[in-house]
Amino acid sequence: KRHVVSRDISTIQKGNPESMDDKLLKKYCPMTETIFYTLLALLEPNHGYGIMKFVRELTEERVKMGTGTLYTMLGRLVEDQMITVISEIDGKKTYQITADGKTILLMEVNRLHQQCENGEKILGGTQE
């Protein structure tokens, strides 16, 4: 049984893209699929295993992340202040997205939405 939390993206508080470092925007726009799903998973506090489970369930097992890939990426996202460690108990870290992370995630959702609209417009909704 699949359980996925759905959210209306309009309820996600936005940060201010003008106040962001250009390097951060260049690094994460466009973003990789694994970063995209990780940031979605961190709209609520979550730990590594919980992130992997969330992504696997949301993508219906299409996207599977190994622990090495995940923890390397989490370290980079913390370093870039896209996410933060909100607690650490017995070596188990819990992460959550930051305001800048939310802003860039919303920018990516909008970019992907526009990309899909362009594709549908050109293809005319046909599937061959």
C-alpha atoms as a PDB file:
ATOM      1  CA  LYS A   1       0.000   0.000   0.000  1.00  0.00           C
ATOM      2  CA  ARG A   2       1.398   3.340  -1.065  1.00  0.00           C
ATOM      3  CA  HIS A   3       1.125   6.344   1.221  1.00  0.00           C
ATOM      4  CA  VAL A   4       2.192   9.706  -0.111  1.00  0.00           C
ATOM      5  CA  VAL A   5       1.578  13.077   1.478  1.00  0.00           C
ATOM      6  CA  SER A   6       0.292  15.554  -1.082  1.00  0.00           C
ATOM      7  CA  ARG A   7       0.643  19.304  -0.698  1.00  0.00           C
ATOM      8  CA  ASP A   8      -0.590  22.336  -2.509  1.00  0.00           C
ATOM      9  CA  ILE A   9       2.608  24.148  -3.512  1.00  0.00           C
ATOM     10  CA  SER A  10       0.911  27.499  -2.910  1.00  0.00           C
ATOM     11  CA  THR A  11       1.062  26.748   0.837  1.00  0.00           C
ATOM     12  CA  ILE A  12       4.859  26.514   0.854  1.00  0.00           C
ATOM     13  CA  GLN A  13       6.328  29.745   2.198  1.00  0.00           C
ATOM     14  CA  LYS A  14       8.612  31.373  -0.320  1.00  0.00           C
ATOM     15  CA  GLY A  15      11.930  32.994   0.372  1.00  0.00           C
ATOM     16  CA  ASN A  16      13.293  35.839  -1.686  1.00  0.00           C
ATOM     17  CA  PRO A  17      15.108  34.843  -4.901  1.00  0.00           C
ATOM     18  CA  GLU A  18      16.666  38.320  -5.204  1.00  0.00           C
ATOM     19  CA  SER A  19      18.523  37.841  -1.909  1.00  0.00           C
ATOM     20  CA  MET A  20      20.043  34.517  -2.981  1.00  0.00           C
ATOM     21  CA  ASP A  21      23.590  34.013  -4.089  1.00  0.00           C
ATOM     22  CA  ASP A  22      23.800  33.680  -7.895  1.00  0.00           C
ATOM     23  CA  LYS A  23      26.102  30.695  -7.441  1.00  0.00           C
ATOM     24  CA  LEU A  24      23.343  28.885  -5.545  1.00  0.00           C
ATOM     25  CA  LEU A  25      20.815  29.577  -8.290  1.00  0.00           C
ATOM     26  CA  LYS A  26      23.242  28.448 -10.987  1.00  0.00           C
ATOM     27  CA  LYS A  27      24.080  25.290  -9.047  1.00  0.00           C
ATOM     28  CA  TYR A  28      20.482  24.200  -8.408  1.00  0.00           C
ATOM     29  CA  CYS A  29      18.489  25.600 -11.342  1.00  0.00           C
ATOM     30  CA  PRO A  30      17.800  23.284 -13.058  1.00  0.00           C
ATOM     31  CA  MET A  31      18.200  20.641 -10.362  1.00  0.00           C
ATOM     32  CA  THR A  32      18.738  16.930 -10.554  1.00  0.00           C
ATOM     33  CA  GLU A  33      15.817  14.611 -10.009  1.00  0.00           C
ATOM     34  CA  THR A  34      17.308  13.215  -6.794  1.00  0.00           C
ATOM     35  CA  ILE A  35      17.781  16.701  -5.315  1.00  0.00           C
ATOM     36  CA  PHE A  36      14.233  17.639  -6.354  1.00  0.00           C
ATOM     37  CA  TYR A  37      12.696  14.648  -4.583  1.00  0.00           C
ATOM     38  CA  THR A  38      14.957  15.033  -1.550  1.00  0.00           C
ATOM     39  CA  LEU A  39      13.854  18.641  -1.090  1.00  0.00           C
ATOM     40  CA  LEU A  40      10.221  17.567  -1.414  1.00  0.00           C
ATOM     41  CA  ALA A  41      10.831  14.945   1.272  1.00  0.00           C
ATOM     42  CA  LEU A  42      12.274  17.611   3.559  1.00  0.00           C
ATOM     43  CA  LEU A  43       9.281  19.924   3.554  1.00  0.00           C
ATOM     44  CA  GLU A  44       8.687  18.046   6.802  1.00  0.00           C
ATOM     45  CA  PRO A  45      11.519  16.974   9.143  1.00  0.00           C
ATOM     46  CA  ASN A  46      12.956  13.654   7.987  1.00  0.00           C
ATOM     47  CA  HIS A  47      16.012  11.430   8.330  1.00  0.00           C
ATOM     48  CA  GLY A  48      17.979   9.541   5.677  1.00  0.00           C
ATOM     49  CA  TYR A  49      15.959   6.325   5.634  1.00  0.00           C
ATOM     50  CA  GLY A  50      12.713   8.326   5.710  1.00  0.00           C
ATOM     51  CA  ILE A  51      13.862  10.366   2.706  1.00  0.00           C
ATOM     52  CA  MET A  52      14.688   7.221   0.716  1.00  0.00           C
ATOM     53  CA  LYS A  53      11.309   5.694   1.610  1.00  0.00           C
ATOM     54  CA  PHE A  54       9.416   8.900   0.721  1.00  0.00           C
ATOM     55  CA  VAL A  55      11.123   9.164  -2.673  1.00  0.00           C
ATOM     56  CA  ARG A  56      10.646   5.479  -3.472  1.00  0.00           C
ATOM     57  CA  GLU A  57       6.917   5.656  -2.605  1.00  0.00           C
ATOM     58  CA  LEU A  58       6.261   8.990  -4.336  1.00  0.00           C
ATOM     59  CA  THR A  59       7.925   7.845  -7.559  1.00  0.00           C
ATOM     60  CA  GLU A  60       6.390   4.377  -7.362  1.00  0.00           C
ATOM     61  CA  GLU A  61       9.894   2.862  -7.093  1.00  0.00           C
ATOM     62  CA  ARG A  62      11.117   4.628 -10.258  1.00  0.00           C
ATOM     63  CA  VAL A  63      13.699   6.610  -8.294  1.00  0.00           C
ATOM     64  CA  LYS A  64      15.766   4.685  -5.764  1.00  0.00           C
ATOM     65  CA  MET A  65      18.641   6.324  -3.935  1.00  0.00           C
ATOM     66  CA  GLY A  66      21.512   4.452  -2.377  1.00  0.00           C
ATOM     67  CA  THR A  67      22.812   5.547   0.992  1.00  0.00           C
ATOM     68  CA  GLY A  68      26.155   6.731  -0.409  1.00  0.00           C
ATOM     69  CA  THR A  69      24.505   8.972  -2.969  1.00  0.00           C
ATOM     70  CA  LEU A  70      21.959  10.266  -0.459  1.00  0.00           C
ATOM     71  CA  TYR A  71      24.372  11.140   2.343  1.00  0.00           C
ATOM     72  CA  THR A  72      26.853  12.792  -0.027  1.00  0.00           C
ATOM     73  CA  MET A  73      24.013  14.892  -1.437  1.00  0.00           C
ATOM     74  CA  LEU A  74      22.658  15.737   2.051  1.00  0.00           C
ATOM     75  CA  GLY A  75      26.102  16.973   3.093  1.00  0.00           C
ATOM     76  CA  ARG A  76      26.295  19.195   0.028  1.00  0.00           C
ATOM     77  CA  LEU A  77      22.752  20.534   0.587  1.00  0.00           C
ATOM     78  CA  VAL A  78      23.583  21.354   4.235  1.00  0.00           C
ATOM     79  CA  GLU A  79      26.824  23.052   3.173  1.00  0.00           C
ATOM     80  CA  ASP A  80      24.888  25.158   0.634  1.00  0.00           C
ATOM     81  CA  GLN A  81      22.207  25.965   3.251  1.00  0.00           C
ATOM     82  CA  MET A  82      19.442  24.420   1.152  1.00  0.00           C
ATOM     83  CA  ILE A  83      18.606  22.174   4.123  1.00  0.00           C
ATOM     84  CA  THR A  84      19.562  22.179   7.781  1.00  0.00           C
ATOM     85  CA  VAL A  85      20.135  19.562  10.459  1.00  0.00           C
ATOM     86  CA  ILE A  86      17.429  20.143  13.069  1.00  0.00           C
ATOM     87  CA  SER A  87      18.461  17.352  15.433  1.00  0.00           C
ATOM     88  CA  GLU A  88      20.992  14.607  15.882  1.00  0.00           C
ATOM     89  CA  ILE A  89      20.360  11.736  18.289  1.00  0.00           C
ATOM     90  CA  ASP A  90      22.766   8.793  18.495  1.00  0.00           C
ATOM     91  CA  GLY A  91      24.268   9.776  15.142  1.00  0.00           C
ATOM     92  CA  LYS A  92      20.858   9.884  13.432  1.00  0.00           C
ATOM     93  CA  LYS A  93      20.393  13.310  11.838  1.00  0.00           C
ATOM     94  CA  THR A  94      17.016  14.829  11.072  1.00  0.00           C
ATOM     95  CA  TYR A  95      16.949  17.370   8.243  1.00  0.00           C
ATOM     96  CA  GLN A  96      14.521  20.027   7.035  1.00  0.00           C
ATOM     97  CA  ILE A  97      14.452  22.348   4.045  1.00  0.00           C
ATOM     98  CA  THR A  98      15.431  26.018   4.556  1.00  0.00           C
ATOM     99  CA  ALA A  99      13.690  29.123   3.181  1.00  0.00           C
ATOM    100  CA  ASP A 100      16.221  29.310   0.330  1.00  0.00           C
ATOM    101  CA  GLY A 101      15.695  25.615  -0.375  1.00  0.00           C
ATOM    102  CA  LYS A 102      11.923  26.168  -0.584  1.00  0.00           C
ATOM    103  CA  THR A 103      12.365  29.126  -2.904  1.00  0.00           C
ATOM    104  CA  ILE A 104      14.588  27.192  -5.286  1.00  0.00           C
ATOM    105  CA  LEU A 105      12.281  24.143  -5.102  1.00  0.00           C
ATOM    106  CA  LEU A 106       9.303  26.323  -6.092  1.00  0.00           C
ATOM    107  CA  MET A 107      11.329  27.829  -8.933  1.00  0.00           C
ATOM    108  CA  GLU A 108      12.078  24.300 -10.157  1.00  0.00           C
ATOM    109  CA  VAL A 109       8.420  23.231  -9.893  1.00  0.00           C
ATOM    110  CA  ASN A 110       7.451  26.269 -11.970  1.00  0.00           C
ATOM    111  CA  ARG A 111      10.202  25.563 -14.513  1.00  0.00           C
ATOM    112  CA  LEU A 112       9.110  21.931 -14.878  1.00  0.00           C
ATOM    113  CA  HIS A 113       5.462  22.962 -15.154  1.00  0.00           C
ATOM    114  CA  GLN A 114       6.314  25.374 -17.973  1.00  0.00           C
ATOM    115  CA  GLN A 115       8.421  22.710 -19.679  1.00  0.00           C
ATOM    116  CA  CYS A 116       5.510  20.237 -19.572  1.00  0.00           C
ATOM    117  CA  GLU A 117       3.075  22.869 -20.852  1.00  0.00           C
ATOM    118  CA  ASN A 118       5.426  23.613 -23.764  1.00  0.00           C
ATOM    119  CA  GLY A 119       5.682  19.922 -24.605  1.00  0.00           C
ATOM    120  CA  GLU A 120       1.922  19.426 -24.455  1.00  0.00           C
ATOM    121  CA  LYS A 121       1.383  22.525 -26.610  1.00  0.00           C
ATOM    122  CA  ILE A 122       3.733  21.310 -29.323  1.00  0.00           C
ATOM    123  CA  LEU A 123       2.622  17.690 -29.172  1.00  0.00           C
ATOM    124  CA  GLY A 124      -1.026  18.729 -29.091  1.00  0.00           C
ATOM    125  CA  GLY A 125      -1.751  16.236 -26.354  1.00  0.00           C
ATOM    126  CA  THR A 126      -1.093  13.327 -28.684  1.00  0.00           C
ATOM    127  CA  GLN A 127       0.625  10.186 -27.509  1.00  0.00           C
ATOM    128  CA  GLU A 128       2.146   7.951 -30.114  1.00  0.00           C
END
